[in-house]
């Protein structure tokens, strides 16, 4: 197989395998972006297109996703590496929660909770996060103004309950990354968190 026997692999080969996984995930993300651009250009409603395409190709999609999940599981093996699935627009798609559940059947997959992404979706993703809360290990913390569809704002420059998110992260022993877009925004965020 592509991965070979993990115990016989050099550290460089292992790293190459993990980078392959990251590149594969990046290709999926890029493909999603091009697909979304195509829908916008053709004025196809994302909810309709996603639902129809998923229903039509559900079995094929899930079979490929399971193959990917199992390949990742073999590659990671017994190491402490975890591949986190972040709440993005796909969480709100008809196949989002089913896809997440499929990946979480493997112990190598976990969840990243992005606070602003949830806010941008009118907090509709939090129930999904809550259903798999035992797999939450990472958080992208930033502020947001949902009514303006603005996220990745420095802490304190939006309306999100930052203290509640920090309490959630602490309760689940999550790593937290302050995810803002500028050095100045990061500096302001860190100063406010102190």
N, C-alpha and C. Protein backbone atom coordinates (compact mmCIF):
# COMPACT_ATOMS: atom_id res chain seq x y z
N UNK A 1 0.84 -1.19 0.00
CA UNK A 1 0.00 0.00 0.00
C UNK A 1 0.88 1.24 0.00
N UNK A 2 0.24 2.38 -0.18
CA UNK A 2 0.95 3.66 -0.16
C UNK A 2 1.68 3.85 1.16
N UNK A 3 1.07 3.41 2.25
CA UNK A 3 1.62 3.68 3.57
C UNK A 3 2.71 2.70 3.96
N UNK A 4 2.67 1.49 3.43
CA UNK A 4 3.64 0.48 3.83
C UNK A 4 3.38 0.06 5.27
N UNK A 5 4.32 -0.66 5.84
CA UNK A 5 4.19 -1.04 7.24
C UNK A 5 4.74 0.10 8.09
N UNK A 6 3.90 0.64 8.95
CA UNK A 6 4.25 1.83 9.71
C UNK A 6 5.50 1.63 10.54
N UNK A 7 5.65 0.45 11.16
CA UNK A 7 6.80 0.24 12.04
C UNK A 7 8.11 0.17 11.26
N UNK A 8 8.04 -0.10 9.94
CA UNK A 8 9.25 -0.16 9.12
C UNK A 8 9.54 1.15 8.41
N UNK A 9 8.71 2.14 8.62
CA UNK A 9 8.87 3.41 7.90
C UNK A 9 9.82 4.33 8.65
N UNK A 10 10.62 5.05 7.89
CA UNK A 10 11.50 6.05 8.49
C UNK A 10 10.66 7.24 8.94
N UNK A 11 11.18 8.06 9.84
CA UNK A 11 10.44 9.26 10.26
C UNK A 11 10.10 10.17 9.08
N UNK A 12 10.99 10.26 8.11
CA UNK A 12 10.73 11.09 6.93
C UNK A 12 9.57 10.52 6.13
N UNK A 13 9.53 9.21 5.96
CA UNK A 13 8.43 8.57 5.23
C UNK A 13 7.11 8.78 5.97
N UNK A 14 7.14 8.66 7.29
CA UNK A 14 5.91 8.90 8.07
C UNK A 14 5.44 10.33 7.86
N UNK A 15 6.37 11.28 7.93
CA UNK A 15 6.02 12.67 7.73
C UNK A 15 5.43 12.88 6.34
N UNK A 16 6.03 12.24 5.35
CA UNK A 16 5.51 12.35 3.97
C UNK A 16 4.09 11.83 3.89
N UNK A 17 3.81 10.73 4.58
CA UNK A 17 2.45 10.18 4.58
C UNK A 17 1.47 11.15 5.23
N UNK A 18 1.87 11.75 6.35
CA UNK A 18 0.98 12.69 7.01
C UNK A 18 0.76 13.93 6.15
N UNK A 19 1.81 14.38 5.48
CA UNK A 19 1.67 15.53 4.59
C UNK A 19 0.76 15.19 3.41
N UNK A 20 0.82 13.94 2.96
CA UNK A 20 -0.09 13.49 1.89
C UNK A 20 -1.53 13.63 2.33
N UNK A 21 -1.80 13.26 3.58
CA UNK A 21 -3.15 13.39 4.12
C UNK A 21 -3.57 14.86 4.12
N UNK A 22 -2.68 15.72 4.59
CA UNK A 22 -2.99 17.15 4.64
C UNK A 22 -3.26 17.69 3.24
N UNK A 23 -2.41 17.30 2.29
CA UNK A 23 -2.61 17.76 0.91
C UNK A 23 -3.93 17.25 0.35
N UNK A 24 -4.28 16.01 0.67
CA UNK A 24 -5.53 15.45 0.20
C UNK A 24 -6.70 16.25 0.75
N UNK A 25 -6.64 16.54 2.06
CA UNK A 25 -7.71 17.33 2.67
C UNK A 25 -7.78 18.72 2.04
N UNK A 26 -6.62 19.29 1.75
CA UNK A 26 -6.60 20.60 1.10
C UNK A 26 -7.25 20.54 -0.28
N UNK A 27 -7.00 19.46 -1.01
CA UNK A 27 -7.64 19.30 -2.33
C UNK A 27 -9.15 19.23 -2.20
N UNK A 28 -9.61 18.54 -1.16
CA UNK A 28 -11.06 18.47 -0.93
C UNK A 28 -11.60 19.87 -0.70
N UNK A 29 -10.91 20.63 0.14
CA UNK A 29 -11.36 22.00 0.44
C UNK A 29 -11.36 22.84 -0.82
N UNK A 30 -10.27 22.77 -1.60
CA UNK A 30 -10.19 23.55 -2.83
C UNK A 30 -11.30 23.15 -3.79
N UNK A 31 -11.55 21.84 -3.89
CA UNK A 31 -12.63 21.37 -4.76
C UNK A 31 -13.97 21.92 -4.32
N UNK A 32 -14.17 21.98 -3.00
CA UNK A 32 -15.41 22.54 -2.48
C UNK A 32 -15.54 24.00 -2.88
N UNK A 33 -14.43 24.74 -2.82
CA UNK A 33 -14.49 26.15 -3.18
C UNK A 33 -14.84 26.34 -4.64
N UNK A 34 -14.20 25.58 -5.52
CA UNK A 34 -14.51 25.70 -6.94
C UNK A 34 -15.96 25.31 -7.20
N UNK A 35 -16.43 24.27 -6.50
CA UNK A 35 -17.81 23.81 -6.66
C UNK A 35 -18.77 24.92 -6.22
N UNK A 36 -18.44 25.61 -5.12
CA UNK A 36 -19.30 26.69 -4.64
C UNK A 36 -19.29 27.85 -5.62
N UNK A 37 -18.12 28.17 -6.18
CA UNK A 37 -18.05 29.26 -7.16
C UNK A 37 -18.92 28.92 -8.38
N UNK A 38 -18.87 27.67 -8.81
CA UNK A 38 -19.66 27.24 -9.96
C UNK A 38 -21.15 27.39 -9.67
N UNK A 39 -21.54 27.01 -8.45
CA UNK A 39 -22.95 27.14 -8.09
C UNK A 39 -23.38 28.60 -8.11
N UNK A 40 -22.54 29.48 -7.58
CA UNK A 40 -22.89 30.89 -7.56
C UNK A 40 -23.00 31.46 -8.98
N UNK A 41 -22.08 31.08 -9.86
CA UNK A 41 -22.12 31.56 -11.22
C UNK A 41 -23.37 31.07 -11.95
N UNK A 42 -23.79 29.86 -11.64
CA UNK A 42 -24.96 29.28 -12.30
C UNK A 42 -26.25 29.52 -11.52
N UNK A 43 -26.15 30.27 -10.43
CA UNK A 43 -27.28 30.61 -9.59
C UNK A 43 -28.04 29.37 -9.12
N UNK A 44 -27.28 28.36 -8.72
CA UNK A 44 -27.86 27.15 -8.14
C UNK A 44 -27.87 27.34 -6.64
N UNK A 45 -28.96 27.07 -5.98
CA UNK A 45 -29.01 27.19 -4.54
C UNK A 45 -28.17 26.08 -3.92
N UNK A 46 -27.21 26.40 -3.05
CA UNK A 46 -26.34 25.38 -2.47
C UNK A 46 -27.11 24.28 -1.77
N UNK A 47 -28.16 24.62 -1.04
CA UNK A 47 -28.92 23.60 -0.32
C UNK A 47 -29.52 22.58 -1.28
N UNK A 48 -30.07 23.04 -2.41
CA UNK A 48 -30.68 22.13 -3.37
C UNK A 48 -29.63 21.28 -4.05
N UNK A 49 -28.57 21.91 -4.54
CA UNK A 49 -27.53 21.19 -5.25
C UNK A 49 -26.87 20.16 -4.35
N UNK A 50 -26.50 20.57 -3.14
CA UNK A 50 -25.82 19.67 -2.23
C UNK A 50 -26.70 18.48 -1.90
N UNK A 51 -27.95 18.75 -1.59
CA UNK A 51 -28.86 17.68 -1.22
C UNK A 51 -29.04 16.70 -2.37
N UNK A 52 -29.28 17.22 -3.57
CA UNK A 52 -29.50 16.35 -4.72
C UNK A 52 -28.26 15.53 -5.05
N UNK A 53 -27.09 16.19 -5.05
CA UNK A 53 -25.86 15.48 -5.37
C UNK A 53 -25.54 14.44 -4.32
N UNK A 54 -25.73 14.77 -3.06
CA UNK A 54 -25.44 13.80 -2.02
C UNK A 54 -26.37 12.61 -2.10
N UNK A 55 -27.65 12.87 -2.30
CA UNK A 55 -28.60 11.75 -2.39
C UNK A 55 -28.28 10.86 -3.58
N UNK A 56 -27.90 11.47 -4.70
CA UNK A 56 -27.61 10.70 -5.90
C UNK A 56 -26.35 9.85 -5.74
N UNK A 57 -25.33 10.39 -5.08
CA UNK A 57 -24.05 9.69 -4.98
C UNK A 57 -23.71 9.28 -3.55
N UNK A 58 -24.69 9.20 -2.68
CA UNK A 58 -24.48 8.94 -1.27
C UNK A 58 -23.63 7.70 -1.02
N UNK A 59 -23.98 6.58 -1.61
CA UNK A 59 -23.25 5.34 -1.36
C UNK A 59 -21.79 5.43 -1.81
N UNK A 60 -21.59 6.01 -2.98
CA UNK A 60 -20.22 6.17 -3.50
C UNK A 60 -19.42 7.10 -2.61
N UNK A 61 -20.02 8.22 -2.25
CA UNK A 61 -19.34 9.19 -1.39
C UNK A 61 -18.95 8.56 -0.06
N UNK A 62 -19.90 7.89 0.60
CA UNK A 62 -19.60 7.30 1.91
C UNK A 62 -18.58 6.18 1.80
N UNK A 63 -18.62 5.41 0.73
CA UNK A 63 -17.61 4.35 0.55
C UNK A 63 -16.21 4.96 0.41
N UNK A 64 -16.09 6.02 -0.35
CA UNK A 64 -14.79 6.68 -0.51
C UNK A 64 -14.35 7.36 0.78
N UNK A 65 -15.29 7.94 1.49
CA UNK A 65 -14.95 8.56 2.76
C UNK A 65 -14.47 7.52 3.77
N UNK A 66 -15.12 6.37 3.80
CA UNK A 66 -14.70 5.28 4.70
C UNK A 66 -13.31 4.77 4.31
N UNK A 67 -13.06 4.67 3.01
CA UNK A 67 -11.73 4.24 2.55
C UNK A 67 -10.67 5.24 3.01
N UNK A 68 -10.96 6.52 2.86
CA UNK A 68 -10.05 7.58 3.31
C UNK A 68 -9.85 7.49 4.82
N UNK A 69 -10.95 7.35 5.57
CA UNK A 69 -10.88 7.25 7.03
C UNK A 69 -10.01 6.08 7.45
N UNK A 70 -10.22 4.94 6.80
CA UNK A 70 -9.46 3.74 7.16
C UNK A 70 -7.98 3.87 6.80
N UNK A 71 -7.69 4.53 5.67
CA UNK A 71 -6.29 4.76 5.28
C UNK A 71 -5.61 5.68 6.30
N UNK A 72 -6.32 6.70 6.75
CA UNK A 72 -5.76 7.60 7.76
C UNK A 72 -5.54 6.86 9.07
N UNK A 73 -6.48 6.01 9.44
CA UNK A 73 -6.37 5.24 10.68
C UNK A 73 -5.13 4.35 10.65
N UNK A 74 -4.91 3.68 9.52
CA UNK A 74 -3.72 2.83 9.39
C UNK A 74 -2.45 3.67 9.43
N UNK A 75 -2.46 4.82 8.78
CA UNK A 75 -1.26 5.67 8.72
C UNK A 75 -0.90 6.22 10.09
N UNK A 76 -1.88 6.65 10.83
CA UNK A 76 -1.63 7.22 12.15
C UNK A 76 -1.30 6.13 13.16
N UNK A 77 -1.93 4.98 13.02
CA UNK A 77 -1.64 3.85 13.91
C UNK A 77 -1.91 4.19 15.36
N UNK A 78 -0.99 3.79 16.22
CA UNK A 78 -1.15 4.00 17.66
C UNK A 78 -0.50 5.29 18.15
N UNK A 79 -0.09 6.14 17.25
CA UNK A 79 0.53 7.39 17.67
C UNK A 79 -0.52 8.31 18.30
N UNK A 80 -0.07 9.41 18.86
CA UNK A 80 -1.02 10.34 19.46
C UNK A 80 -1.45 11.44 18.50
N UNK A 81 -1.20 11.25 17.22
CA UNK A 81 -1.64 12.21 16.20
C UNK A 81 -3.15 12.11 16.03
N UNK A 82 -3.81 13.26 15.93
CA UNK A 82 -5.24 13.31 15.66
C UNK A 82 -5.47 14.24 14.48
N UNK A 83 -6.39 13.85 13.63
CA UNK A 83 -6.79 14.66 12.48
C UNK A 83 -8.12 15.31 12.85
N UNK A 84 -8.09 16.62 12.96
CA UNK A 84 -9.29 17.33 13.40
C UNK A 84 -10.14 17.79 12.22
N UNK A 85 -11.42 17.63 12.37
CA UNK A 85 -12.39 18.09 11.39
C UNK A 85 -12.99 19.38 11.96
N UNK A 86 -12.85 20.46 11.20
CA UNK A 86 -13.32 21.76 11.65
C UNK A 86 -14.72 22.04 11.13
N UNK A 87 -15.52 22.69 11.95
CA UNK A 87 -16.85 23.09 11.49
C UNK A 87 -16.71 24.21 10.45
N UNK A 88 -17.07 23.88 9.23
CA UNK A 88 -17.09 24.82 8.12
C UNK A 88 -18.50 24.79 7.54
N UNK A 89 -18.66 25.35 6.38
CA UNK A 89 -20.00 25.37 5.77
C UNK A 89 -20.53 23.95 5.53
N UNK A 90 -19.65 22.98 5.37
CA UNK A 90 -20.09 21.60 5.13
C UNK A 90 -20.87 21.03 6.31
N UNK A 91 -20.64 21.55 7.52
CA UNK A 91 -21.40 21.08 8.68
C UNK A 91 -22.89 21.31 8.49
N UNK A 92 -23.22 22.38 7.80
CA UNK A 92 -24.62 22.74 7.60
C UNK A 92 -25.24 22.06 6.39
N UNK A 93 -24.42 21.41 5.59
CA UNK A 93 -24.93 20.71 4.40
C UNK A 93 -25.60 19.41 4.83
N UNK A 94 -26.48 18.88 3.99
CA UNK A 94 -27.19 17.65 4.35
C UNK A 94 -26.26 16.48 4.68
N UNK A 95 -25.10 16.41 4.06
CA UNK A 95 -24.19 15.29 4.29
C UNK A 95 -23.18 15.57 5.39
N UNK A 96 -23.16 16.79 5.91
CA UNK A 96 -22.13 17.19 6.86
C UNK A 96 -22.06 16.36 8.11
N UNK A 97 -23.18 16.24 8.81
CA UNK A 97 -23.16 15.51 10.07
C UNK A 97 -22.93 14.02 9.84
N UNK A 98 -23.49 13.48 8.78
CA UNK A 98 -23.27 12.05 8.48
C UNK A 98 -21.81 11.79 8.14
N UNK A 99 -21.18 12.71 7.41
CA UNK A 99 -19.76 12.57 7.08
C UNK A 99 -18.91 12.65 8.34
N UNK A 100 -19.22 13.59 9.21
CA UNK A 100 -18.48 13.73 10.46
C UNK A 100 -18.61 12.46 11.29
N UNK A 101 -19.81 11.94 11.41
CA UNK A 101 -20.03 10.71 12.18
C UNK A 101 -19.21 9.56 11.61
N UNK A 102 -19.14 9.48 10.29
CA UNK A 102 -18.35 8.43 9.64
C UNK A 102 -16.88 8.56 10.01
N UNK A 103 -16.33 9.76 9.93
CA UNK A 103 -14.92 9.96 10.27
C UNK A 103 -14.66 9.68 11.74
N UNK A 104 -15.59 10.07 12.61
CA UNK A 104 -15.39 9.90 14.05
C UNK A 104 -15.54 8.45 14.51
N UNK A 105 -15.90 7.55 13.59
CA UNK A 105 -15.87 6.13 13.92
C UNK A 105 -14.44 5.65 14.15
N UNK A 106 -13.48 6.44 13.68
CA UNK A 106 -12.07 6.13 13.88
C UNK A 106 -11.53 6.98 15.03
N UNK A 107 -10.73 6.38 15.90
CA UNK A 107 -10.17 7.17 17.02
C UNK A 107 -9.13 8.19 16.59
N UNK A 108 -8.67 8.17 15.36
CA UNK A 108 -7.66 9.15 14.93
C UNK A 108 -8.29 10.48 14.52
N UNK A 109 -9.60 10.52 14.38
CA UNK A 109 -10.28 11.77 14.02
C UNK A 109 -10.87 12.42 15.27
N UNK A 110 -10.84 13.73 15.28
CA UNK A 110 -11.39 14.51 16.38
C UNK A 110 -12.03 15.77 15.80
N UNK A 111 -12.43 16.68 16.67
CA UNK A 111 -13.18 17.86 16.24
C UNK A 111 -12.46 19.14 16.64
N UNK A 112 -12.45 20.09 15.70
CA UNK A 112 -12.03 21.47 15.97
C UNK A 112 -13.28 22.33 15.91
N UNK A 113 -13.51 23.09 16.95
CA UNK A 113 -14.65 23.99 17.00
C UNK A 113 -14.18 25.40 16.70
N UNK A 114 -14.65 25.97 15.58
CA UNK A 114 -14.33 27.34 15.20
C UNK A 114 -15.51 28.21 15.62
N UNK A 115 -15.27 29.09 16.58
CA UNK A 115 -16.35 29.88 17.18
C UNK A 115 -17.02 30.82 16.18
N UNK A 116 -16.23 31.44 15.34
CA UNK A 116 -16.78 32.39 14.37
C UNK A 116 -17.54 31.71 13.24
N UNK A 117 -17.10 30.52 12.84
CA UNK A 117 -17.81 29.81 11.78
C UNK A 117 -19.22 29.46 12.26
N UNK A 118 -19.32 29.03 13.51
CA UNK A 118 -20.64 28.73 14.07
C UNK A 118 -21.50 29.99 14.12
N UNK A 119 -20.91 31.08 14.55
CA UNK A 119 -21.65 32.35 14.62
C UNK A 119 -22.14 32.79 13.25
N UNK A 120 -21.29 32.63 12.24
CA UNK A 120 -21.66 33.03 10.87
C UNK A 120 -22.82 32.19 10.33
N UNK A 121 -23.05 31.04 10.92
CA UNK A 121 -24.15 30.16 10.51
C UNK A 121 -25.30 30.23 11.52
N UNK A 122 -25.40 31.37 12.20
CA UNK A 122 -26.47 31.60 13.19
C UNK A 122 -26.48 30.55 14.29
N UNK A 123 -25.30 30.10 14.68
CA UNK A 123 -25.10 29.18 15.79
C UNK A 123 -25.80 27.83 15.57
N UNK A 124 -25.98 27.45 14.31
CA UNK A 124 -26.63 26.18 14.00
C UNK A 124 -25.67 24.99 14.09
N UNK A 125 -24.37 25.25 14.17
CA UNK A 125 -23.41 24.15 14.21
C UNK A 125 -23.12 23.68 15.63
N UNK A 126 -23.44 24.49 16.62
CA UNK A 126 -23.16 24.13 18.01
C UNK A 126 -23.85 22.84 18.43
N UNK A 127 -25.10 22.59 18.02
CA UNK A 127 -25.71 21.31 18.39
C UNK A 127 -24.93 20.10 17.83
N UNK A 128 -24.36 20.25 16.65
CA UNK A 128 -23.56 19.16 16.08
C UNK A 128 -22.30 18.97 16.92
N UNK A 129 -21.66 20.06 17.28
CA UNK A 129 -20.48 19.99 18.15
C UNK A 129 -20.86 19.32 19.47
N UNK A 130 -21.99 19.71 20.03
CA UNK A 130 -22.42 19.14 21.31
C UNK A 130 -22.65 17.63 21.22
N UNK A 131 -23.11 17.15 20.07
CA UNK A 131 -23.36 15.72 19.92
C UNK A 131 -22.06 14.90 19.87
N UNK A 132 -20.96 15.56 19.56
CA UNK A 132 -19.67 14.84 19.53
C UNK A 132 -18.67 15.53 20.45
N UNK A 133 -19.17 16.10 21.54
CA UNK A 133 -18.35 16.89 22.44
C UNK A 133 -17.20 16.10 23.04
N UNK A 134 -17.38 14.80 23.18
CA UNK A 134 -16.30 13.98 23.74
C UNK A 134 -15.10 13.87 22.80
N UNK A 135 -15.25 14.31 21.56
CA UNK A 135 -14.15 14.27 20.59
C UNK A 135 -13.58 15.66 20.30
N UNK A 136 -14.04 16.65 21.04
CA UNK A 136 -13.55 18.02 20.88
C UNK A 136 -12.17 18.14 21.52
N UNK A 137 -11.15 18.46 20.71
CA UNK A 137 -9.81 18.60 21.27
C UNK A 137 -9.13 19.90 20.87
N UNK A 138 -9.78 20.68 20.01
CA UNK A 138 -9.12 21.88 19.49
C UNK A 138 -10.18 22.95 19.24
N UNK A 139 -9.78 24.21 19.43
CA UNK A 139 -10.72 25.31 19.20
C UNK A 139 -9.99 26.44 18.49
N UNK A 140 -10.67 27.04 17.52
CA UNK A 140 -10.23 28.28 16.90
C UNK A 140 -11.08 29.39 17.51
N UNK A 141 -10.46 30.19 18.33
CA UNK A 141 -11.17 31.23 19.06
C UNK A 141 -10.96 32.58 18.40
N UNK A 142 -12.05 33.22 18.08
CA UNK A 142 -12.02 34.59 17.58
C UNK A 142 -13.39 35.18 17.78
N UNK A 143 -13.49 36.45 17.65
CA UNK A 143 -14.77 37.12 17.84
C UNK A 143 -15.48 37.24 16.49
N UNK A 144 -16.74 37.61 16.55
CA UNK A 144 -17.53 37.72 15.32
C UNK A 144 -18.72 38.64 15.56
N UNK A 145 -19.23 39.15 14.44
CA UNK A 145 -20.50 39.89 14.42
C UNK A 145 -21.38 39.16 13.41
N UNK A 146 -22.18 38.21 13.89
CA UNK A 146 -22.97 37.37 12.97
C UNK A 146 -23.89 38.15 12.05
N UNK A 147 -24.50 39.23 12.55
CA UNK A 147 -25.44 39.98 11.71
C UNK A 147 -24.75 40.59 10.50
N UNK A 148 -23.46 40.85 10.59
CA UNK A 148 -22.69 41.39 9.47
C UNK A 148 -21.90 40.29 8.75
N UNK A 149 -22.07 39.05 9.20
CA UNK A 149 -21.33 37.89 8.65
C UNK A 149 -19.83 38.15 8.67
N UNK A 150 -19.34 38.71 9.79
CA UNK A 150 -17.92 38.98 9.97
C UNK A 150 -17.39 38.09 11.08
N UNK A 151 -16.34 37.35 10.78
CA UNK A 151 -15.70 36.54 11.81
C UNK A 151 -14.18 36.74 11.71
N UNK A 152 -13.45 36.01 12.52
CA UNK A 152 -12.00 36.15 12.64
C UNK A 152 -11.62 37.56 13.12
N UNK A 153 -12.51 38.15 13.92
CA UNK A 153 -12.24 39.46 14.51
C UNK A 153 -11.42 39.28 15.78
N UNK A 154 -10.62 40.26 16.14
CA UNK A 154 -9.90 40.19 17.41
C UNK A 154 -10.86 40.03 18.58
N UNK A 155 -10.40 39.36 19.61
CA UNK A 155 -11.19 39.15 20.82
C UNK A 155 -11.64 40.51 21.36
N UNK A 156 -12.93 40.62 21.67
CA UNK A 156 -13.48 41.86 22.22
C UNK A 156 -14.03 42.81 21.19
N UNK A 157 -13.89 42.47 19.91
CA UNK A 157 -14.38 43.38 18.86
C UNK A 157 -15.63 42.85 18.18
N UNK A 158 -16.23 41.86 18.78
CA UNK A 158 -17.48 41.30 18.29
C UNK A 158 -18.41 41.07 19.47
N UNK A 159 -19.34 40.13 19.29
CA UNK A 159 -20.35 39.92 20.34
C UNK A 159 -20.34 38.51 20.93
N UNK A 160 -19.36 37.71 20.60
CA UNK A 160 -19.36 36.32 21.06
C UNK A 160 -19.01 36.21 22.55
N UNK A 161 -19.57 35.21 23.22
CA UNK A 161 -19.29 35.01 24.65
C UNK A 161 -17.95 34.28 24.84
N UNK A 162 -16.87 35.02 24.72
CA UNK A 162 -15.53 34.44 24.74
C UNK A 162 -15.27 33.64 26.01
N UNK A 163 -15.70 34.15 27.16
CA UNK A 163 -15.49 33.43 28.43
C UNK A 163 -16.17 32.05 28.40
N UNK A 164 -17.36 31.99 27.81
CA UNK A 164 -18.06 30.70 27.71
C UNK A 164 -17.26 29.71 26.86
N UNK A 165 -16.68 30.19 25.77
CA UNK A 165 -15.88 29.31 24.92
C UNK A 165 -14.63 28.84 25.65
N UNK A 166 -14.00 29.72 26.41
CA UNK A 166 -12.82 29.32 27.17
C UNK A 166 -13.18 28.30 28.25
N UNK A 167 -14.35 28.47 28.86
CA UNK A 167 -14.82 27.50 29.85
C UNK A 167 -15.05 26.15 29.19
N UNK A 168 -15.66 26.14 28.02
CA UNK A 168 -15.88 24.90 27.26
C UNK A 168 -14.54 24.23 26.94
N UNK A 169 -13.59 25.03 26.47
CA UNK A 169 -12.27 24.48 26.12
C UNK A 169 -11.60 23.87 27.34
N UNK A 170 -11.68 24.56 28.45
CA UNK A 170 -11.06 24.04 29.68
C UNK A 170 -11.72 22.75 30.13
N UNK A 171 -13.04 22.70 30.05
CA UNK A 171 -13.78 21.50 30.47
C UNK A 171 -13.42 20.27 29.64
N UNK A 172 -13.00 20.49 28.40
CA UNK A 172 -12.68 19.37 27.52
C UNK A 172 -11.20 19.29 27.19
N UNK A 173 -10.40 20.03 27.95
CA UNK A 173 -8.94 19.99 27.80
C UNK A 173 -8.52 20.27 26.36
N UNK A 174 -9.16 21.26 25.74
CA UNK A 174 -8.87 21.62 24.34
C UNK A 174 -7.67 22.55 24.25
N UNK A 175 -6.97 22.41 23.17
CA UNK A 175 -6.01 23.43 22.80
C UNK A 175 -6.82 24.55 22.13
N UNK A 176 -6.39 25.77 22.35
CA UNK A 176 -7.09 26.92 21.79
C UNK A 176 -6.10 27.76 21.00
N UNK A 177 -6.46 28.06 19.77
CA UNK A 177 -5.67 28.94 18.93
C UNK A 177 -6.49 30.21 18.70
N UNK A 178 -5.89 31.36 18.98
CA UNK A 178 -6.55 32.62 18.66
C UNK A 178 -6.34 32.83 17.16
N UNK A 179 -7.43 32.76 16.41
CA UNK A 179 -7.35 32.79 14.95
C UNK A 179 -7.90 34.10 14.41
N UNK A 180 -7.01 35.07 14.32
CA UNK A 180 -7.36 36.35 13.73
C UNK A 180 -6.43 36.57 12.54
N UNK A 181 -6.69 37.60 11.76
CA UNK A 181 -6.01 37.73 10.47
C UNK A 181 -4.81 38.66 10.44
N UNK A 182 -4.57 39.41 11.51
CA UNK A 182 -3.45 40.35 11.48
C UNK A 182 -2.63 40.22 12.76
N UNK A 183 -1.38 40.64 12.69
CA UNK A 183 -0.53 40.65 13.88
C UNK A 183 -1.12 41.59 14.93
N UNK A 184 -1.59 42.75 14.48
CA UNK A 184 -2.17 43.72 15.41
C UNK A 184 -3.41 43.14 16.09
N UNK A 185 -4.22 42.42 15.32
CA UNK A 185 -5.41 41.78 15.89
C UNK A 185 -5.04 40.73 16.92
N UNK A 186 -3.99 39.98 16.65
CA UNK A 186 -3.52 38.98 17.60
C UNK A 186 -3.00 39.66 18.87
N UNK A 187 -2.25 40.73 18.72
CA UNK A 187 -1.74 41.46 19.89
C UNK A 187 -2.88 42.01 20.74
N UNK A 188 -3.90 42.59 20.10
CA UNK A 188 -5.05 43.10 20.85
C UNK A 188 -5.79 41.96 21.55
N UNK A 189 -5.94 40.84 20.87
CA UNK A 189 -6.63 39.68 21.45
C UNK A 189 -5.90 39.16 22.67
N UNK A 190 -4.60 38.98 22.56
CA UNK A 190 -3.81 38.47 23.68
C UNK A 190 -3.87 39.43 24.86
N UNK A 191 -3.77 40.73 24.59
CA UNK A 191 -3.86 41.72 25.67
C UNK A 191 -5.20 41.63 26.39
N UNK A 192 -6.28 41.44 25.65
CA UNK A 192 -7.62 41.36 26.26
C UNK A 192 -7.80 40.05 27.02
N UNK A 193 -7.18 38.98 26.56
CA UNK A 193 -7.30 37.70 27.26
C UNK A 193 -6.52 37.69 28.57
N UNK A 194 -5.47 38.49 28.64
CA UNK A 194 -4.67 38.54 29.87
C UNK A 194 -5.44 39.29 30.93
